[in-house]
Structures are given as structure tokens and as C-alpha cells.
Amino acid sequence: VQLQASGGGLVQPGGSLRLSCVASGRIDSIGVMGWYRQAPEKQRELVATIISGSSTNYADSVKGRFTISGDNAKNTVYLQMNSLKPEDTAVYYCNAAVIVRNRQYIYWGQGTQVTVSS
């Protein structure tokens, strides 16, 4: 199984970006998909998760600004990021709990850089 993330880039404060992550390979189902981020010299932190394409959870720092959504048929998760702030600058990683033959495996994407700067 591979996770391919895309959509990062450079944006001015107050701007928007949309991240995408596609899971491919042997997948029976996906229980949870999510986004994490890691800023320089900081630990990786949870940004948002979506369970079975519907139930969502957000870090307090992004509530009201970021929206996570999923397309189960395409094994894809999106992160719409609005009202971006310089403190949102980080490498964003997608994550998935993949079910294969009734066993769960955790996979990470390669990361995509988001830079918020004027």
C-alpha cells in the first residue's frame, strides 16, 4: 500500500490550499484517514482525522479553518485549508489505517510542504 500526498505549496497569510492523499495497492477497506504535520524542530502533531468517510476530528488550532473530507470509492482524503497562518507552516503527512484480510496496518505518505509567508 502506498499513500501519495499532493497539493502543498507557498501561500500568503489568509490564503487557501487543498491537500489530497490517495491510497493505492491491496486495500480491503480503510478505517481512518488523517493528516498530521511537523514544523521544524517540533514534534509531529495531529491536524485532522476522518473515520469511515464521515466522522471527523480536528486539532483545536485548525478548527473552523480546515476541513477534512474523504472519498471512500477513491481511497482519497482531502484537507481544505483556509485562512492560513504562518504557524501552519509545516510538512503535512497523510496517514491511513488500512484493513487487509481483517488485519489493520498503518501507512504514512511522503509528506508535502506547506509554507505560509508573505
N, C-alpha and C. Protein backbone atom coordinates (compact mmCIF):
# COMPACT_ATOMS: atom_id res chain seq x y z
N VAL A 1 0.85 -1.19 0.00
CA VAL A 1 0.00 0.00 0.00
C VAL A 1 0.89 1.24 0.00
N GLN A 2 0.50 2.20 -0.81
CA GLN A 2 1.22 3.48 -0.87
C GLN A 2 0.24 4.62 -0.70
N LEU A 3 0.71 5.66 -0.01
CA LEU A 3 -0.06 6.89 0.11
C LEU A 3 0.68 7.99 -0.61
N GLN A 4 -0.01 8.66 -1.52
CA GLN A 4 0.61 9.73 -2.30
C GLN A 4 -0.09 11.03 -1.98
N ALA A 5 0.64 11.93 -1.34
CA ALA A 5 0.09 13.23 -0.97
C ALA A 5 0.51 14.29 -1.98
N SER A 6 -0.37 15.27 -2.17
CA SER A 6 -0.07 16.37 -3.08
C SER A 6 -0.84 17.61 -2.67
N GLY A 7 -0.48 18.75 -3.26
CA GLY A 7 -1.24 19.97 -3.04
C GLY A 7 -0.56 21.03 -2.20
N GLY A 8 0.61 20.72 -1.65
CA GLY A 8 1.30 21.72 -0.85
C GLY A 8 1.86 22.84 -1.70
N GLY A 9 2.39 23.85 -1.04
CA GLY A 9 2.99 24.95 -1.76
C GLY A 9 3.18 26.16 -0.87
N LEU A 10 3.46 27.28 -1.52
CA LEU A 10 3.67 28.56 -0.83
C LEU A 10 2.41 29.41 -0.98
N VAL A 11 1.92 29.93 0.12
CA VAL A 11 0.71 30.75 0.09
C VAL A 11 0.87 31.89 1.08
N GLN A 12 0.22 33.01 0.78
CA GLN A 12 0.27 34.15 1.69
C GLN A 12 -0.67 33.95 2.87
N PRO A 13 -0.39 34.59 3.98
CA PRO A 13 -1.31 34.52 5.12
C PRO A 13 -2.72 34.90 4.69
N GLY A 14 -3.69 34.13 5.18
CA GLY A 14 -5.08 34.35 4.80
C GLY A 14 -5.51 33.57 3.57
N GLY A 15 -4.56 32.96 2.90
CA GLY A 15 -4.85 32.20 1.70
C GLY A 15 -5.34 30.79 1.98
N SER A 16 -5.52 30.03 0.89
CA SER A 16 -6.06 28.67 1.00
C SER A 16 -5.23 27.70 0.18
N LEU A 17 -5.24 26.46 0.64
CA LEU A 17 -4.65 25.35 -0.10
C LEU A 17 -5.52 24.13 0.12
N ARG A 18 -5.47 23.21 -0.83
CA ARG A 18 -6.18 21.95 -0.68
C ARG A 18 -5.19 20.80 -0.89
N LEU A 19 -5.05 19.99 0.13
CA LEU A 19 -4.20 18.82 0.06
C LEU A 19 -5.02 17.59 -0.30
N SER A 20 -4.40 16.69 -1.05
CA SER A 20 -5.04 15.42 -1.41
C SER A 20 -4.10 14.28 -1.06
N CYS A 21 -4.67 13.14 -0.74
CA CYS A 21 -3.87 11.94 -0.46
C CYS A 21 -4.63 10.74 -0.98
N VAL A 22 -3.97 9.99 -1.86
CA VAL A 22 -4.59 8.81 -2.46
C VAL A 22 -3.88 7.56 -1.96
N ALA A 23 -4.64 6.60 -1.50
CA ALA A 23 -4.10 5.30 -1.09
C ALA A 23 -4.30 4.31 -2.22
N SER A 24 -3.23 3.55 -2.52
CA SER A 24 -3.31 2.57 -3.60
C SER A 24 -2.64 1.27 -3.16
N GLY A 25 -3.01 0.20 -3.84
CA GLY A 25 -2.47 -1.11 -3.50
C GLY A 25 -3.55 -2.05 -3.01
N ARG A 26 -3.14 -3.09 -2.30
CA ARG A 26 -4.09 -4.09 -1.80
C ARG A 26 -4.80 -3.49 -0.57
N ILE A 27 -6.05 -3.09 -0.77
CA ILE A 27 -6.84 -2.47 0.29
C ILE A 27 -8.22 -3.10 0.31
N ASP A 28 -8.59 -3.70 1.41
CA ASP A 28 -9.95 -4.20 1.55
C ASP A 28 -10.88 -3.07 2.01
N SER A 29 -10.39 -2.27 2.94
CA SER A 29 -11.14 -1.10 3.39
C SER A 29 -10.18 -0.21 4.17
N ILE A 30 -10.63 1.01 4.41
CA ILE A 30 -9.84 1.96 5.21
C ILE A 30 -10.70 2.44 6.37
N GLY A 31 -10.17 2.28 7.57
CA GLY A 31 -10.94 2.67 8.74
C GLY A 31 -10.81 4.15 9.04
N VAL A 32 -9.59 4.64 9.08
CA VAL A 32 -9.33 6.03 9.43
C VAL A 32 -8.30 6.59 8.46
N MET A 33 -8.54 7.81 8.02
CA MET A 33 -7.50 8.55 7.28
C MET A 33 -7.31 9.89 7.98
N GLY A 34 -6.12 10.40 7.90
CA GLY A 34 -5.88 11.65 8.60
C GLY A 34 -4.70 12.42 8.07
N TRP A 35 -4.57 13.61 8.60
CA TRP A 35 -3.44 14.48 8.28
C TRP A 35 -2.72 14.86 9.57
N TYR A 36 -1.41 14.81 9.50
CA TYR A 36 -0.54 15.26 10.58
C TYR A 36 0.42 16.27 9.99
N ARG A 37 1.07 17.03 10.85
CA ARG A 37 2.06 17.98 10.35
C ARG A 37 3.24 18.06 11.31
N GLN A 38 4.36 18.44 10.75
CA GLN A 38 5.56 18.59 11.56
C GLN A 38 6.30 19.84 11.11
N ALA A 39 6.39 20.79 12.02
CA ALA A 39 7.13 22.01 11.77
C ALA A 39 8.58 21.80 12.20
N PRO A 40 9.50 22.63 11.70
CA PRO A 40 10.91 22.48 12.07
C PRO A 40 11.10 22.50 13.58
N GLU A 41 11.85 21.53 14.07
CA GLU A 41 12.22 21.43 15.49
C GLU A 41 11.01 21.20 16.39
N LYS A 42 9.93 20.71 15.82
CA LYS A 42 8.74 20.37 16.61
C LYS A 42 8.33 18.93 16.34
N GLN A 43 7.55 18.40 17.26
CA GLN A 43 7.06 17.04 17.08
C GLN A 43 5.91 17.00 16.09
N ARG A 44 5.74 15.85 15.46
CA ARG A 44 4.61 15.67 14.56
C ARG A 44 3.32 15.75 15.38
N GLU A 45 2.33 16.46 14.85
CA GLU A 45 1.07 16.63 15.57
C GLU A 45 -0.11 16.32 14.66
N LEU A 46 -1.19 15.90 15.31
CA LEU A 46 -2.42 15.62 14.60
C LEU A 46 -3.04 16.92 14.10
N VAL A 47 -3.51 16.89 12.85
CA VAL A 47 -4.26 18.02 12.30
C VAL A 47 -5.75 17.67 12.25
N ALA A 48 -6.07 16.57 11.59
CA ALA A 48 -7.47 16.17 11.45
C ALA A 48 -7.54 14.70 11.04
N THR A 49 -8.62 14.05 11.44
CA THR A 49 -8.88 12.68 11.02
C THR A 49 -10.32 12.53 10.57
N ILE A 50 -10.55 11.52 9.74
CA ILE A 50 -11.89 11.19 9.30
C ILE A 50 -12.05 9.68 9.38
N ILE A 51 -13.14 9.24 10.00
CA ILE A 51 -13.38 7.81 10.20
C ILE A 51 -14.50 7.36 9.27
N SER A 52 -14.19 6.33 8.51
CA SER A 52 -15.17 5.74 7.59
C SER A 52 -15.84 6.80 6.72
N GLY A 53 -15.08 7.81 6.36
CA GLY A 53 -15.56 8.82 5.44
C GLY A 53 -16.57 9.80 5.99
N SER A 54 -16.81 9.77 7.33
CA SER A 54 -17.84 10.67 7.84
C SER A 54 -17.48 11.35 9.16
N SER A 55 -17.14 10.63 10.19
CA SER A 55 -16.86 11.23 11.49
C SER A 55 -15.50 11.91 11.48
N THR A 56 -15.48 13.19 11.86
CA THR A 56 -14.26 13.97 11.77
C THR A 56 -13.78 14.45 13.15
N ASN A 57 -12.48 14.74 13.22
CA ASN A 57 -11.87 15.24 14.43
C ASN A 57 -10.79 16.22 14.03
N TYR A 58 -10.68 17.34 14.76
CA TYR A 58 -9.72 18.38 14.42
C TYR A 58 -8.90 18.81 15.63
N ALA A 59 -7.68 19.21 15.36
CA ALA A 59 -6.90 19.88 16.39
C ALA A 59 -7.53 21.24 16.66
N ASP A 60 -7.46 21.69 17.90
CA ASP A 60 -8.07 22.98 18.26
C ASP A 60 -7.51 24.12 17.41
N SER A 61 -6.25 24.02 17.05
CA SER A 61 -5.60 25.12 16.33
C SER A 61 -6.12 25.30 14.91
N VAL A 62 -6.82 24.29 14.37
CA VAL A 62 -7.30 24.40 12.99
C VAL A 62 -8.82 24.39 12.88
N LYS A 63 -9.50 24.22 13.99
CA LYS A 63 -10.96 24.17 13.95
C LYS A 63 -11.52 25.46 13.37
N GLY A 64 -12.48 25.30 12.47
CA GLY A 64 -13.11 26.45 11.85
C GLY A 64 -12.37 26.97 10.63
N ARG A 65 -11.14 26.48 10.42
CA ARG A 65 -10.34 26.93 9.26
C ARG A 65 -10.07 25.79 8.28
N PHE A 66 -9.87 24.57 8.81
CA PHE A 66 -9.56 23.42 7.98
C PHE A 66 -10.76 22.49 7.93
N THR A 67 -10.92 21.82 6.79
CA THR A 67 -11.98 20.83 6.64
C THR A 67 -11.40 19.57 6.01
N ILE A 68 -11.61 18.44 6.69
CA ILE A 68 -11.17 17.15 6.14
C ILE A 68 -12.38 16.46 5.54
N SER A 69 -12.16 15.82 4.40
CA SER A 69 -13.22 15.06 3.75
C SER A 69 -12.61 13.85 3.07
N GLY A 70 -13.46 12.91 2.72
CA GLY A 70 -12.96 11.70 2.11
C GLY A 70 -13.85 11.19 1.00
N ASP A 71 -13.25 10.44 0.10
CA ASP A 71 -13.97 9.77 -0.97
C ASP A 71 -13.62 8.29 -0.86
N ASN A 72 -14.51 7.53 -0.24
CA ASN A 72 -14.22 6.12 0.02
C ASN A 72 -13.98 5.34 -1.26
N ALA A 73 -14.75 5.66 -2.30
CA ALA A 73 -14.64 4.93 -3.56
C ALA A 73 -13.26 5.11 -4.19
N LYS A 74 -12.64 6.24 -3.91
CA LYS A 74 -11.33 6.54 -4.49
C LYS A 74 -10.20 6.38 -3.49
N ASN A 75 -10.51 5.94 -2.27
CA ASN A 75 -9.49 5.81 -1.21
C ASN A 75 -8.67 7.09 -1.07
N THR A 76 -9.39 8.19 -1.07
CA THR A 76 -8.75 9.51 -1.07
C THR A 76 -9.25 10.34 0.09
N VAL A 77 -8.34 11.12 0.66
CA VAL A 77 -8.70 12.06 1.71
C VAL A 77 -8.19 13.44 1.30
N TYR A 78 -8.98 14.44 1.64
CA TYR A 78 -8.64 15.82 1.29
C TYR A 78 -8.55 16.66 2.57
N LEU A 79 -7.77 17.72 2.49
CA LEU A 79 -7.71 18.69 3.58
C LEU A 79 -7.80 20.08 2.96
N GLN A 80 -8.95 20.71 3.12
CA GLN A 80 -9.13 22.08 2.66
C GLN A 80 -8.67 23.01 3.78
N MET A 81 -7.69 23.83 3.48
CA MET A 81 -7.11 24.72 4.48
C MET A 81 -7.38 26.16 4.08
N ASN A 82 -8.16 26.85 4.89
CA ASN A 82 -8.49 28.25 4.65
C ASN A 82 -7.92 29.13 5.76
N SER A 83 -7.88 30.41 5.49
CA SER A 83 -7.38 31.38 6.48
C SER A 83 -6.04 30.93 7.06
N LEU A 84 -5.14 30.55 6.19
CA LEU A 84 -3.86 30.02 6.63
C LEU A 84 -3.04 31.07 7.36
N LYS A 85 -2.29 30.60 8.36
CA LYS A 85 -1.45 31.44 9.18
C LYS A 85 0.00 30.98 9.06
N PRO A 86 0.94 31.87 9.35
CA PRO A 86 2.35 31.45 9.29
C PRO A 86 2.65 30.24 10.17
N GLU A 87 1.94 30.12 11.27
CA GLU A 87 2.17 28.98 12.17
C GLU A 87 1.64 27.67 11.61
N ASP A 88 0.95 27.71 10.48
CA ASP A 88 0.53 26.48 9.81
C ASP A 88 1.65 25.91 8.94
N THR A 89 2.75 26.65 8.81
CA THR A 89 3.87 26.17 8.01
C THR A 89 4.44 24.89 8.59
N ALA A 90 4.51 23.86 7.74
CA ALA A 90 4.98 22.55 8.20
C ALA A 90 4.98 21.60 7.01
N VAL A 91 5.56 20.44 7.23
CA VAL A 91 5.38 19.34 6.29
C VAL A 91 4.14 18.57 6.73
N TYR A 92 3.22 18.39 5.82
CA TYR A 92 1.96 17.71 6.11
C TYR A 92 2.03 16.27 5.60
N TYR A 93 1.68 15.35 6.49
CA TYR A 93 1.72 13.92 6.17
C TYR A 93 0.31 13.33 6.24
N CYS A 94 -0.03 12.52 5.26
CA CYS A 94 -1.29 11.79 5.38
C CYS A 94 -1.01 10.42 5.98
N ASN A 95 -2.04 9.88 6.56
CA ASN A 95 -1.95 8.65 7.34
C ASN A 95 -3.22 7.85 7.11
N ALA A 96 -3.07 6.53 7.05
CA ALA A 96 -4.26 5.70 6.84
C ALA A 96 -4.15 4.40 7.62
N ALA A 97 -5.26 3.99 8.19
CA ALA A 97 -5.37 2.68 8.83
C ALA A 97 -6.08 1.76 7.83
N VAL A 98 -5.29 0.91 7.19
CA VAL A 98 -5.79 0.09 6.08
C VAL A 98 -6.10 -1.32 6.58
N ILE A 99 -7.25 -1.83 6.18
CA ILE A 99 -7.66 -3.17 6.56
C ILE A 99 -7.41 -4.12 5.39
N VAL A 100 -6.62 -5.15 5.66
CA VAL A 100 -6.35 -6.20 4.67
C VAL A 100 -6.53 -7.54 5.36
N ARG A 101 -7.45 -8.35 4.82
CA ARG A 101 -7.73 -9.67 5.40
C ARG A 101 -7.95 -9.56 6.91
N ASN A 102 -8.77 -8.61 7.30
CA ASN A 102 -9.19 -8.41 8.70
C ASN A 102 -8.06 -7.98 9.63
N ARG A 103 -6.96 -7.54 9.09
CA ARG A 103 -5.88 -7.03 9.91
C ARG A 103 -5.65 -5.56 9.54
N GLN A 104 -5.30 -4.76 10.53
CA GLN A 104 -5.11 -3.32 10.31
C GLN A 104 -3.63 -3.00 10.20
N TYR A 105 -3.30 -2.20 9.22
CA TYR A 105 -1.94 -1.74 9.00
C TYR A 105 -1.95 -0.22 8.89
N ILE A 106 -0.94 0.41 9.46
CA ILE A 106 -0.83 1.86 9.43
C ILE A 106 0.21 2.28 8.39
N TYR A 107 -0.20 3.20 7.53
CA TYR A 107 0.69 3.68 6.49
C TYR A 107 0.78 5.21 6.53
N TRP A 108 1.93 5.70 6.10
CA TRP A 108 2.18 7.15 6.02
C TRP A 108 2.55 7.53 4.60
N GLY A 109 2.10 8.71 4.19
CA GLY A 109 2.53 9.27 2.93
C GLY A 109 3.88 9.94 3.08
N GLN A 110 4.38 10.48 1.98
CA GLN A 110 5.75 11.02 1.95
C GLN A 110 5.84 12.44 2.46
N GLY A 111 4.73 13.11 2.65
CA GLY A 111 4.78 14.47 3.15
C GLY A 111 4.75 15.49 2.02
N THR A 112 4.06 16.59 2.27
CA THR A 112 4.03 17.69 1.32
C THR A 112 4.21 19.00 2.09
N GLN A 113 5.09 19.86 1.60
CA GLN A 113 5.45 21.08 2.31
C GLN A 113 4.39 22.16 2.11
N VAL A 114 3.96 22.75 3.20
CA VAL A 114 3.07 23.91 3.18
C VAL A 114 3.81 25.06 3.84
N THR A 115 3.96 26.15 3.11
CA THR A 115 4.65 27.33 3.63
C THR A 115 3.71 28.52 3.53
N VAL A 116 3.47 29.16 4.67
CA VAL A 116 2.59 30.33 4.72
C VAL A 116 3.47 31.53 5.05
N SER A 117 3.61 32.40 4.07
CA SER A 117 4.53 33.52 4.25
C SER A 117 4.19 34.63 3.27
N SER A 118 4.41 35.85 3.70
CA SER A 118 4.21 36.99 2.81
C SER A 118 5.52 37.36 2.11
